[in-house]
Amino acid sequence: MLNPQDLQRLIDMITEEVIAAQAPRAVPAQCGCHSVLAECCPDRLRGVIDAGATRLGLHASGGATGGVASMIDHTLLKPDASRAEIEKLCREAAEFHFATVCVNPAWVAFAAGRLRGSGVGVCSVVGFPLGATTADVKNYETRRAIFDGATEIDMVINIGALKSADLRTVERDIEAVVEPCHQAGVISKVIIEAALLTDEEKITACTLSKAAGADFVKTSTGFASGGATAADVALMRRVVGADMGVKAAGGVRDLEGLKAMVAAGATRVGASAGVKIVQESKGQKAASPAAAGY
């Protein structure tokens, strides 16, 4: 838990970020890749995008790797997903070499067994999709998912506490997941559900996530009123800097959508249309995705 001095420093950091976000921009130019402010494209990505982003792949930490598939969490989180659909998701992930499959906790052990030796990780969700469970429950849910074979955890913050300006509760909420992830060497991602937040609240959520030591911030669950936008990704990237990952999720359904998110600063994308996106990047005719609704 933050002591009073650290809490005040955190409040000062958030205040500085909010002021910076509200400051007028000297040059409101737009970039050619996705029609948002030019400075949203990190310099380390601009040249790669211009050279041909259809072959771009990024590791979670931001380094270049071997293709579009390597930055996609192949996702199936709908509540009525069947065993056959999860098995197909895993088969596709192994075939196309996605970063992970992202599944609900009940499917983690099954997916881990199907993907053993494939090089594809298993991502699971905690406090999903509302974030409205207590920190101790999220802590247990995280530890159980790791026990079952999860290599990455995407947790939903306590959105109500954030909107109530209860920073201590949000801080404890995030730490309850990040700490067991660190202990087990598992990647932690913090879903801020950007569609429900003001820009100031987005900045606060990202700052708290960074202070807690999370590996990523993530835009959305895909189950709220909106999904990922390039503007939100750009804001999140500016707040967390180059040392954290940014995951765009919710509504990324094709290669152009992925390119827009990467141009804005995303280093990982969650999508149910991963197969379609990879096929588009290779100039192939895309089949209908197996997993809809993310």
C-alpha atoms as a PDB file:
ATOM      1  CA  MET A   1       0.000   0.000   0.000  1.00  0.00           C
ATOM      2  CA  LEU A   2       1.232   3.510  -0.710  1.00  0.00           C
ATOM      3  CA  ASN A   3       2.341   5.559   2.278  1.00  0.00           C
ATOM      4  CA  PRO A   4       1.079   9.171   2.472  1.00  0.00           C
ATOM      5  CA  GLN A   5       4.251  10.573   0.885  1.00  0.00           C
ATOM      6  CA  ASP A   6       4.160   8.157  -2.057  1.00  0.00           C
ATOM      7  CA  LEU A   7       0.431   8.753  -2.496  1.00  0.00           C
ATOM      8  CA  GLN A   8       1.030  12.498  -2.706  1.00  0.00           C
ATOM      9  CA  ARG A   9       3.784  11.954  -5.276  1.00  0.00           C
ATOM     10  CA  LEU A  10       1.412   9.786  -7.289  1.00  0.00           C
ATOM     11  CA  ILE A  11      -1.281  12.464  -7.132  1.00  0.00           C
ATOM     12  CA  ASP A  12       1.297  15.020  -8.298  1.00  0.00           C
ATOM     13  CA  MET A  13       2.265  12.756 -11.221  1.00  0.00           C
ATOM     14  CA  ILE A  14      -1.370  12.355 -12.248  1.00  0.00           C
ATOM     15  CA  THR A  15      -1.947  16.095 -11.987  1.00  0.00           C
ATOM     16  CA  GLU A  16       1.054  16.780 -14.219  1.00  0.00           C
ATOM     17  CA  GLU A  17      -0.188  14.274 -16.798  1.00  0.00           C
ATOM     18  CA  VAL A  18      -3.687  15.781 -16.816  1.00  0.00           C
ATOM     19  CA  ILE A  19      -2.278  19.291 -17.284  1.00  0.00           C
ATOM     20  CA  ALA A  20      -0.034  18.083 -20.088  1.00  0.00           C
ATOM     21  CA  ALA A  21      -2.930  16.350 -21.813  1.00  0.00           C
ATOM     22  CA  GLN A  22      -5.024  19.511 -21.690  1.00  0.00           C
ATOM     23  CA  ALA A  23      -2.273  21.814 -22.929  1.00  0.00           C
ATOM     24  CA  PRO A  24      -2.858  23.221 -26.444  1.00  0.00           C
ATOM     25  CA  ARG A  25      -0.878  21.567 -29.190  1.00  0.00           C
ATOM     26  CA  ALA A  26       1.406  23.853 -31.166  1.00  0.00           C
ATOM     27  CA  VAL A  27       1.065  21.877 -34.385  1.00  0.00           C
ATOM     28  CA  PRO A  28      -2.254  20.026 -34.770  1.00  0.00           C
ATOM     29  CA  ALA A  29      -0.992  18.204 -37.846  1.00  0.00           C
ATOM     30  CA  GLN A  30      -2.382  14.787 -38.647  1.00  0.00           C
ATOM     31  CA  CYS A  31      -0.370  11.795 -39.702  1.00  0.00           C
ATOM     32  CA  GLY A  32      -1.179   9.995 -42.906  1.00  0.00           C
ATOM     33  CA  CYS A  33      -1.624   6.574 -41.388  1.00  0.00           C
ATOM     34  CA  HIS A  34      -4.717   6.973 -39.251  1.00  0.00           C
ATOM     35  CA  SER A  35      -5.810  10.626 -39.020  1.00  0.00           C
ATOM     36  CA  VAL A  36      -4.919  11.469 -35.453  1.00  0.00           C
ATOM     37  CA  LEU A  37      -2.279  13.841 -34.130  1.00  0.00           C
ATOM     38  CA  ALA A  38       1.096  13.243 -35.749  1.00  0.00           C
ATOM     39  CA  GLU A  39       2.948  12.891 -32.472  1.00  0.00           C
ATOM     40  CA  CYS A  40       0.896   9.817 -31.592  1.00  0.00           C
ATOM     41  CA  CYS A  41       3.146   7.737 -33.848  1.00  0.00           C
ATOM     42  CA  PRO A  42       6.297   6.879 -31.851  1.00  0.00           C
ATOM     43  CA  ASP A  43       9.455   7.599 -33.831  1.00  0.00           C
ATOM     44  CA  ARG A  44      10.563   4.015 -33.377  1.00  0.00           C
ATOM     45  CA  LEU A  45       7.522   2.826 -35.347  1.00  0.00           C
ATOM     46  CA  ARG A  46       7.000   5.525 -37.978  1.00  0.00           C
ATOM     47  CA  GLY A  47       9.646   4.271 -40.363  1.00  0.00           C
ATOM     48  CA  VAL A  48       8.504   0.680 -40.063  1.00  0.00           C
ATOM     49  CA  ILE A  49       4.893   1.631 -40.735  1.00  0.00           C
ATOM     50  CA  ASP A  50       5.905   3.694 -43.760  1.00  0.00           C
ATOM     51  CA  ALA A  51       8.018   0.831 -45.045  1.00  0.00           C
ATOM     52  CA  GLY A  52       5.092  -1.586 -44.966  1.00  0.00           C
ATOM     53  CA  ALA A  53       3.272  -2.372 -41.754  1.00  0.00           C
ATOM     54  CA  THR A  54       1.663  -5.463 -43.245  1.00  0.00           C
ATOM     55  CA  ARG A  55       4.792  -7.320 -42.180  1.00  0.00           C
ATOM     56  CA  LEU A  56       5.211  -5.653 -38.811  1.00  0.00           C
ATOM     57  CA  GLY A  57       5.272  -7.657 -35.619  1.00  0.00           C
ATOM     58  CA  LEU A  58       6.168  -6.462 -32.147  1.00  0.00           C
ATOM     59  CA  HIS A  59       7.124  -8.267 -28.965  1.00  0.00           C
ATOM     60  CA  ALA A  60       5.276  -7.358 -25.782  1.00  0.00           C
ATOM     61  CA  SER A  61       8.105  -5.075 -24.731  1.00  0.00           C
ATOM     62  CA  GLY A  62       8.085  -3.320 -28.079  1.00  0.00           C
ATOM     63  CA  GLY A  63      10.855  -5.073 -29.981  1.00  0.00           C
ATOM     64  CA  ALA A  64      10.448  -6.252 -33.556  1.00  0.00           C
ATOM     65  CA  THR A  65       9.817  -9.962 -34.131  1.00  0.00           C
ATOM     66  CA  GLY A  66       8.626 -12.212 -36.895  1.00  0.00           C
ATOM     67  CA  GLY A  67       5.275 -11.029 -38.211  1.00  0.00           C
ATOM     68  CA  VAL A  68       1.808  -9.710 -37.572  1.00  0.00           C
ATOM     69  CA  ALA A  69       0.659 -12.869 -35.772  1.00  0.00           C
ATOM     70  CA  SER A  70       3.293 -12.481 -33.070  1.00  0.00           C
ATOM     71  CA  MET A  71       1.582  -9.385 -31.675  1.00  0.00           C
ATOM     72  CA  ILE A  72      -1.965 -10.803 -31.612  1.00  0.00           C
ATOM     73  CA  ASP A  73      -3.738 -12.409 -28.659  1.00  0.00           C
ATOM     74  CA  HIS A  74      -6.129 -14.772 -30.474  1.00  0.00           C
ATOM     75  CA  THR A  75      -9.242 -14.249 -28.387  1.00  0.00           C
ATOM     76  CA  LEU A  76     -12.438 -16.074 -27.498  1.00  0.00           C
ATOM     77  CA  LEU A  77     -14.163 -14.713 -24.393  1.00  0.00           C
ATOM     78  CA  LYS A  78     -17.852 -15.087 -25.192  1.00  0.00           C
ATOM     79  CA  PRO A  79     -19.729 -16.834 -22.391  1.00  0.00           C
ATOM     80  CA  ASP A  80     -21.183 -19.575 -24.585  1.00  0.00           C
ATOM     81  CA  ALA A  81     -17.862 -20.695 -26.082  1.00  0.00           C
ATOM     82  CA  SER A  82     -17.812 -24.478 -26.382  1.00  0.00           C
ATOM     83  CA  ARG A  83     -14.956 -26.933 -25.934  1.00  0.00           C
ATOM     84  CA  ALA A  84     -14.867 -27.449 -29.705  1.00  0.00           C
ATOM     85  CA  GLU A  85     -14.530 -23.700 -30.295  1.00  0.00           C
ATOM     86  CA  ILE A  86     -11.715 -23.387 -27.758  1.00  0.00           C
ATOM     87  CA  GLU A  87      -9.957 -26.344 -29.347  1.00  0.00           C
ATOM     88  CA  LYS A  88     -10.246 -24.686 -32.760  1.00  0.00           C
ATOM     89  CA  LEU A  89      -8.905 -21.432 -31.306  1.00  0.00           C
ATOM     90  CA  CYS A  90      -5.855 -23.291 -29.986  1.00  0.00           C
ATOM     91  CA  ARG A  91      -5.331 -25.120 -33.267  1.00  0.00           C
ATOM     92  CA  GLU A  92      -5.408 -21.825 -35.183  1.00  0.00           C
ATOM     93  CA  ALA A  93      -3.037 -20.218 -32.675  1.00  0.00           C
ATOM     94  CA  ALA A  94      -0.507 -23.002 -33.097  1.00  0.00           C
ATOM     95  CA  GLU A  95      -0.830 -22.897 -36.891  1.00  0.00           C
ATOM     96  CA  PHE A  96      -0.431 -19.129 -37.249  1.00  0.00           C
ATOM     97  CA  HIS A  97       1.924 -18.625 -34.273  1.00  0.00           C
ATOM     98  CA  PHE A  98      -0.095 -16.020 -32.399  1.00  0.00           C
ATOM     99  CA  ALA A  99       1.377 -14.568 -29.212  1.00  0.00           C
ATOM    100  CA  THR A 100      -1.295 -16.188 -27.042  1.00  0.00           C
ATOM    101  CA  VAL A 101      -4.819 -17.458 -26.940  1.00  0.00           C
ATOM    102  CA  CYS A 102      -6.949 -15.346 -24.600  1.00  0.00           C
ATOM    103  CA  VAL A 103      -9.649 -17.381 -22.864  1.00  0.00           C
ATOM    104  CA  ASN A 104     -11.828 -17.271 -19.781  1.00  0.00           C
ATOM    105  CA  PRO A 105     -10.359 -18.879 -16.611  1.00  0.00           C
ATOM    106  CA  ALA A 106     -12.396 -22.080 -16.926  1.00  0.00           C
ATOM    107  CA  TRP A 107     -10.582 -22.880 -20.189  1.00  0.00           C
ATOM    108  CA  VAL A 108      -6.999 -22.137 -19.113  1.00  0.00           C
ATOM    109  CA  ALA A 109      -5.974 -25.674 -18.189  1.00  0.00           C
ATOM    110  CA  PHE A 110      -7.565 -27.075 -21.351  1.00  0.00           C
ATOM    111  CA  ALA A 111      -5.855 -24.494 -23.580  1.00  0.00           C
ATOM    112  CA  ALA A 112      -2.505 -24.941 -21.833  1.00  0.00           C
ATOM    113  CA  GLY A 113      -2.675 -28.660 -22.487  1.00  0.00           C
ATOM    114  CA  ARG A 114      -3.544 -28.192 -26.156  1.00  0.00           C
ATOM    115  CA  LEU A 115      -0.761 -25.641 -26.694  1.00  0.00           C
ATOM    116  CA  ARG A 116       2.038 -27.290 -24.740  1.00  0.00           C
ATOM    117  CA  GLY A 117       5.238 -27.184 -26.805  1.00  0.00           C
ATOM    118  CA  SER A 118       3.736 -24.912 -29.474  1.00  0.00           C
ATOM    119  CA  GLY A 119       5.392 -21.686 -28.339  1.00  0.00           C
ATOM    120  CA  VAL A 120       1.971 -20.035 -27.971  1.00  0.00           C
ATOM    121  CA  GLY A 121       1.114 -18.685 -24.521  1.00  0.00           C
ATOM    122  CA  VAL A 122      -2.180 -18.773 -22.656  1.00  0.00           C
ATOM    123  CA  CYS A 123      -3.677 -15.461 -21.542  1.00  0.00           C
ATOM    124  CA  SER A 124      -6.577 -15.392 -19.101  1.00  0.00           C
ATOM    125  CA  VAL A 125      -8.777 -12.645 -17.697  1.00  0.00           C
ATOM    126  CA  VAL A 126      -9.357 -11.622 -14.076  1.00  0.00           C
ATOM    127  CA  GLY A 127     -12.299  -9.658 -12.707  1.00  0.00           C
ATOM    128  CA  PHE A 128     -13.756  -9.904 -16.190  1.00  0.00           C
ATOM    129  CA  PRO A 129     -15.626  -8.105 -17.664  1.00  0.00           C
ATOM    130  CA  LEU A 130     -16.858  -5.664 -14.988  1.00  0.00           C
ATOM    131  CA  GLY A 131     -13.866  -5.349 -12.678  1.00  0.00           C
ATOM    132  CA  ALA A 132     -16.277  -5.091  -9.752  1.00  0.00           C
ATOM    133  CA  THR A 133     -14.879  -7.852  -7.549  1.00  0.00           C
ATOM    134  CA  THR A 134     -12.668  -7.245  -4.533  1.00  0.00           C
ATOM    135  CA  ALA A 135      -8.872  -7.222  -4.616  1.00  0.00           C
ATOM    136  CA  ASP A 136      -8.512 -10.452  -2.634  1.00  0.00           C
ATOM    137  CA  VAL A 137     -10.791 -12.278  -5.060  1.00  0.00           C
ATOM    138  CA  LYS A 138      -8.776 -10.992  -8.017  1.00  0.00           C
ATOM    139  CA  ASN A 139      -5.606 -12.133  -6.261  1.00  0.00           C
ATOM    140  CA  TYR A 140      -6.945 -15.672  -5.882  1.00  0.00           C
ATOM    141  CA  GLU A 141      -8.299 -15.707  -9.429  1.00  0.00           C
ATOM    142  CA  THR A 142      -4.860 -14.682 -10.697  1.00  0.00           C
ATOM    143  CA  ARG A 143      -3.033 -17.348  -8.698  1.00  0.00           C
ATOM    144  CA  ARG A 144      -5.479 -20.049  -9.830  1.00  0.00           C
ATOM    145  CA  ALA A 145      -5.140 -19.064 -13.503  1.00  0.00           C
ATOM    146  CA  ILE A 146      -1.344 -19.191 -13.183  1.00  0.00           C
ATOM    147  CA  PHE A 147      -1.570 -22.595 -11.494  1.00  0.00           C
ATOM    148  CA  ASP A 148      -3.706 -23.828 -14.399  1.00  0.00           C
ATOM    149  CA  GLY A 149      -1.111 -22.695 -16.940  1.00  0.00           C
ATOM    150  CA  ALA A 150      -1.723 -19.018 -17.762  1.00  0.00           C
ATOM    151  CA  THR A 151       1.387 -17.167 -18.916  1.00  0.00           C
ATOM    152  CA  GLU A 152      -0.337 -13.768 -19.143  1.00  0.00           C
ATOM    153  CA  ILE A 153      -3.125 -12.156 -17.097  1.00  0.00           C
ATOM    154  CA  ASP A 154      -5.458  -9.384 -18.299  1.00  0.00           C
ATOM    155  CA  MET A 155      -7.220  -7.851 -15.284  1.00  0.00           C
ATOM    156  CA  VAL A 156     -10.071  -5.331 -15.227  1.00  0.00           C
ATOM    157  CA  ILE A 157      -9.637  -2.484 -12.757  1.00  0.00           C
ATOM    158  CA  ASN A 158     -12.236  -1.427 -10.211  1.00  0.00           C
ATOM    159  CA  ILE A 159     -13.817   1.154 -12.505  1.00  0.00           C
ATOM    160  CA  GLY A 160     -16.255   2.437  -9.895  1.00  0.00           C
ATOM    161  CA  ALA A 161     -13.437   3.123  -7.438  1.00  0.00           C
ATOM    162  CA  LEU A 162     -11.516   5.021 -10.115  1.00  0.00           C
ATOM    163  CA  LYS A 163     -14.537   7.157 -10.957  1.00  0.00           C
ATOM    164  CA  SER A 164     -14.951   7.815  -7.220  1.00  0.00           C
ATOM    165  CA  ALA A 165     -11.339   9.057  -7.094  1.00  0.00           C
ATOM    166  CA  ASP A 166     -10.532   6.303  -4.583  1.00  0.00           C
ATOM    167  CA  LEU A 167      -6.911   5.897  -5.647  1.00  0.00           C
ATOM    168  CA  ARG A 168      -5.932   3.637  -2.732  1.00  0.00           C
ATOM    169  CA  THR A 169      -8.569   1.070  -3.666  1.00  0.00           C
ATOM    170  CA  VAL A 170      -7.546   1.109  -7.328  1.00  0.00           C
ATOM    171  CA  GLU A 171      -3.885   0.815  -6.366  1.00  0.00           C
ATOM    172  CA  ARG A 172      -4.574  -2.208  -4.127  1.00  0.00           C
ATOM    173  CA  ASP A 173      -6.768  -3.707  -6.844  1.00  0.00           C
ATOM    174  CA  ILE A 174      -3.984  -3.595  -9.450  1.00  0.00           C
ATOM    175  CA  GLU A 175      -1.261  -4.723  -7.045  1.00  0.00           C
ATOM    176  CA  ALA A 176      -3.354  -7.745  -6.032  1.00  0.00           C
ATOM    177  CA  VAL A 177      -2.885  -9.049  -9.575  1.00  0.00           C
ATOM    178  CA  VAL A 178       0.535  -7.669 -10.480  1.00  0.00           C
ATOM    179  CA  GLU A 179       2.323  -9.091  -7.428  1.00  0.00           C
ATOM    180  CA  PRO A 180       1.502 -12.788  -8.017  1.00  0.00           C
ATOM    181  CA  CYS A 181       2.270 -12.272 -11.704  1.00  0.00           C
ATOM    182  CA  HIS A 182       5.723 -10.937 -10.830  1.00  0.00           C
ATOM    183  CA  GLN A 183       6.308 -13.816  -8.420  1.00  0.00           C
ATOM    184  CA  ALA A 184       5.494 -16.365 -11.132  1.00  0.00           C
ATOM    185  CA  GLY A 185       7.173 -14.586 -14.050  1.00  0.00           C
ATOM    186  CA  VAL A 186       3.814 -14.004 -15.729  1.00  0.00           C
ATOM    187  CA  ILE A 187       2.951 -10.921 -17.817  1.00  0.00           C
ATOM    188  CA  SER A 188       0.325  -8.626 -16.299  1.00  0.00           C
ATOM    189  CA  LYS A 189      -1.988  -6.372 -18.313  1.00  0.00           C
ATOM    190  CA  VAL A 190      -4.342  -3.810 -16.778  1.00  0.00           C
ATOM    191  CA  ILE A 191      -7.628  -3.210 -18.621  1.00  0.00           C
ATOM    192  CA  ILE A 192      -8.766   0.348 -17.944  1.00  0.00           C
ATOM    193  CA  GLU A 193     -12.035   0.151 -19.979  1.00  0.00           C
ATOM    194  CA  ALA A 194     -11.308   3.447 -21.716  1.00  0.00           C
ATOM    195  CA  ALA A 195     -14.807   3.840 -23.183  1.00  0.00           C
ATOM    196  CA  LEU A 196     -16.175   4.454 -19.678  1.00  0.00           C
ATOM    197  CA  LEU A 197     -13.527   6.980 -18.623  1.00  0.00           C
ATOM    198  CA  THR A 198     -12.729  10.635 -19.115  1.00  0.00           C
ATOM    199  CA  ASP A 199      -9.263  11.482 -20.416  1.00  0.00           C
ATOM    200  CA  GLU A 200      -8.245  12.462 -16.885  1.00  0.00           C
ATOM    201  CA  GLU A 201      -9.410   9.088 -15.576  1.00  0.00           C
ATOM    202  CA  LYS A 202      -7.532   7.283 -18.363  1.00  0.00           C
ATOM    203  CA  ILE A 203      -4.367   9.123 -17.354  1.00  0.00           C
ATOM    204  CA  THR A 204      -4.942   8.233 -13.710  1.00  0.00           C
ATOM    205  CA  ALA A 205      -5.532   4.550 -14.507  1.00  0.00           C
ATOM    206  CA  CYS A 206      -2.382   4.350 -16.631  1.00  0.00           C
ATOM    207  CA  THR A 207      -0.311   6.137 -13.994  1.00  0.00           C
ATOM    208  CA  LEU A 208      -1.544   3.791 -11.269  1.00  0.00           C
ATOM    209  CA  SER A 209      -0.799   0.771 -13.470  1.00  0.00           C
ATOM    210  CA  LYS A 210       2.720   1.997 -14.125  1.00  0.00           C
ATOM    211  CA  ALA A 211       3.297   2.702 -10.432  1.00  0.00           C
ATOM    212  CA  ALA A 212       2.127  -0.820  -9.558  1.00  0.00           C
ATOM    213  CA  GLY A 213       4.643  -2.368 -11.945  1.00  0.00           C
ATOM    214  CA  ALA A 214       2.225  -3.785 -14.524  1.00  0.00           C
ATOM    215  CA  ASP A 215       3.693  -4.874 -17.842  1.00  0.00           C
ATOM    216  CA  PHE A 216       0.881  -3.513 -20.039  1.00  0.00           C
ATOM    217  CA  VAL A 217      -2.094  -1.234 -20.022  1.00  0.00           C
ATOM    218  CA  LYS A 218      -5.002  -2.370 -22.170  1.00  0.00           C
ATOM    219  CA  THR A 219      -7.825  -0.325 -23.662  1.00  0.00           C
ATOM    220  CA  SER A 220     -10.943  -2.434 -23.307  1.00  0.00           C
ATOM    221  CA  THR A 221     -12.699  -5.661 -22.453  1.00  0.00           C
ATOM    222  CA  GLY A 222     -14.682  -5.629 -25.681  1.00  0.00           C
ATOM    223  CA  PHE A 223     -17.863  -5.916 -23.621  1.00  0.00           C
ATOM    224  CA  ALA A 224     -18.462  -2.249 -22.735  1.00  0.00           C
ATOM    225  CA  SER A 225     -19.973   0.547 -24.822  1.00  0.00           C
ATOM    226  CA  GLY A 226     -16.884   0.899 -27.010  1.00  0.00           C
ATOM    227  CA  GLY A 227     -13.554  -0.707 -27.851  1.00  0.00           C
ATOM    228  CA  ALA A 228     -10.086   0.412 -28.790  1.00  0.00           C
ATOM    229  CA  THR A 229      -9.508   3.739 -30.526  1.00  0.00           C
ATOM    230  CA  ALA A 230      -6.245   5.086 -31.920  1.00  0.00           C
ATOM    231  CA  ALA A 231      -6.686   8.231 -29.840  1.00  0.00           C
ATOM    232  CA  ASP A 232      -6.934   6.234 -26.595  1.00  0.00           C
ATOM    233  CA  VAL A 233      -3.920   4.116 -27.523  1.00  0.00           C
ATOM    234  CA  ALA A 234      -1.911   7.259 -28.275  1.00  0.00           C
ATOM    235  CA  LEU A 235      -2.861   8.808 -24.927  1.00  0.00           C
ATOM    236  CA  MET A 236      -2.007   5.619 -23.038  1.00  0.00           C
ATOM    237  CA  ARG A 237       1.340   5.319 -24.815  1.00  0.00           C
ATOM    238  CA  ARG A 238       2.273   8.884 -23.939  1.00  0.00           C
ATOM    239  CA  VAL A 239       1.446   8.331 -20.272  1.00  0.00           C
ATOM    240  CA  VAL A 240       3.240   5.002 -19.777  1.00  0.00           C
ATOM    241  CA  GLY A 241       6.243   5.786 -21.972  1.00  0.00           C
ATOM    242  CA  ALA A 242       8.376   3.273 -23.817  1.00  0.00           C
ATOM    243  CA  ASP A 243       8.931   0.813 -20.984  1.00  0.00           C
ATOM    244  CA  MET A 244       5.402  -0.624 -20.834  1.00  0.00           C
ATOM    245  CA  GLY A 245       3.314  -2.415 -23.409  1.00  0.00           C
ATOM    246  CA  VAL A 246       0.004  -1.060 -24.665  1.00  0.00           C
ATOM    247  CA  LYS A 247      -2.644  -3.547 -25.783  1.00  0.00           C
ATOM    248  CA  ALA A 248      -5.505  -2.479 -28.029  1.00  0.00           C
ATOM    249  CA  ALA A 249      -8.584  -4.681 -27.793  1.00  0.00           C
ATOM    250  CA  GLY A 250     -12.198  -4.457 -28.813  1.00  0.00           C
ATOM    251  CA  GLY A 251     -13.221  -3.856 -32.407  1.00  0.00           C
ATOM    252  CA  VAL A 252      -9.901  -4.595 -34.157  1.00  0.00           C
ATOM    253  CA  ARG A 253     -11.293  -6.673 -37.002  1.00  0.00           C
ATOM    254  CA  ASP A 254      -8.896  -6.267 -39.937  1.00  0.00           C
ATOM    255  CA  LEU A 255      -5.332  -5.438 -40.932  1.00  0.00           C
ATOM    256  CA  GLU A 256      -6.041  -1.741 -41.378  1.00  0.00           C
ATOM    257  CA  GLY A 257      -7.424  -1.587 -37.851  1.00  0.00           C
ATOM    258  CA  LEU A 258      -4.328  -3.308 -36.494  1.00  0.00           C
ATOM    259  CA  LYS A 259      -2.029  -0.953 -38.400  1.00  0.00           C
ATOM    260  CA  ALA A 260      -3.849   2.058 -36.943  1.00  0.00           C
ATOM    261  CA  MET A 261      -3.384   0.750 -33.413  1.00  0.00           C
ATOM    262  CA  VAL A 262       0.304  -0.018 -33.964  1.00  0.00           C
ATOM    263  CA  ALA A 263       0.832   3.423 -35.457  1.00  0.00           C
ATOM    264  CA  ALA A 264      -0.720   4.949 -32.337  1.00  0.00           C
ATOM    265  CA  GLY A 265       1.630   2.999 -30.068  1.00  0.00           C
ATOM    266  CA  ALA A 266       0.115  -0.454 -29.452  1.00  0.00           C
ATOM    267  CA  THR A 267       2.534  -3.349 -29.000  1.00  0.00           C
ATOM    268  CA  ARG A 268      -0.142  -6.024 -28.670  1.00  0.00           C
ATOM    269  CA  VAL A 269      -3.632  -6.417 -30.118  1.00  0.00           C
ATOM    270  CA  GLY A 270      -6.461  -8.573 -28.821  1.00  0.00           C
ATOM    271  CA  ALA A 271      -8.727  -9.807 -31.588  1.00  0.00           C
ATOM    272  CA  SER A 272     -11.079 -12.622 -32.464  1.00  0.00           C
ATOM    273  CA  ALA A 273     -10.328 -11.950 -36.141  1.00  0.00           C
ATOM    274  CA  GLY A 274      -6.653 -12.900 -35.851  1.00  0.00           C
ATOM    275  CA  VAL A 275      -6.735 -15.435 -38.686  1.00  0.00           C
ATOM    276  CA  LYS A 276      -8.338 -12.907 -41.022  1.00  0.00           C
ATOM    277  CA  ILE A 277      -5.774 -10.248 -40.088  1.00  0.00           C
ATOM    278  CA  VAL A 278      -2.820 -12.557 -40.717  1.00  0.00           C
ATOM    279  CA  GLN A 279      -4.261 -13.743 -44.033  1.00  0.00           C
ATOM    280  CA  GLU A 280      -4.751 -10.128 -45.118  1.00  0.00           C
ATOM    281  CA  SER A 281      -1.128  -9.376 -44.220  1.00  0.00           C
ATOM    282  CA  LYS A 282      -0.046 -12.187 -46.543  1.00  0.00           C
ATOM    283  CA  GLY A 283      -2.387 -11.151 -49.325  1.00  0.00           C
ATOM    284  CA  GLN A 284      -4.555 -14.220 -48.871  1.00  0.00           C
ATOM    285  CA  LYS A 285      -8.320 -14.404 -49.015  1.00  0.00           C
ATOM    286  CA  ALA A 286      -9.547 -14.255 -45.439  1.00  0.00           C
ATOM    287  CA  ALA A 287     -11.875 -16.897 -44.074  1.00  0.00           C
ATOM    288  CA  SER A 288     -14.510 -16.078 -41.499  1.00  0.00           C
ATOM    289  CA  PRO A 289     -12.944 -15.917 -38.002  1.00  0.00           C
ATOM    290  CA  ALA A 290     -13.805 -18.786 -35.687  1.00  0.00           C
ATOM    291  CA  ALA A 291     -14.201 -16.615 -32.621  1.00  0.00           C
ATOM    292  CA  ALA A 292     -16.520 -13.639 -32.786  1.00  0.00           C
ATOM    293  CA  GLY A 293     -17.339 -10.846 -30.401  1.00  0.00           C
ATOM    294  CA  TYR A 294     -14.118  -9.279 -29.172  1.00  0.00           C
END
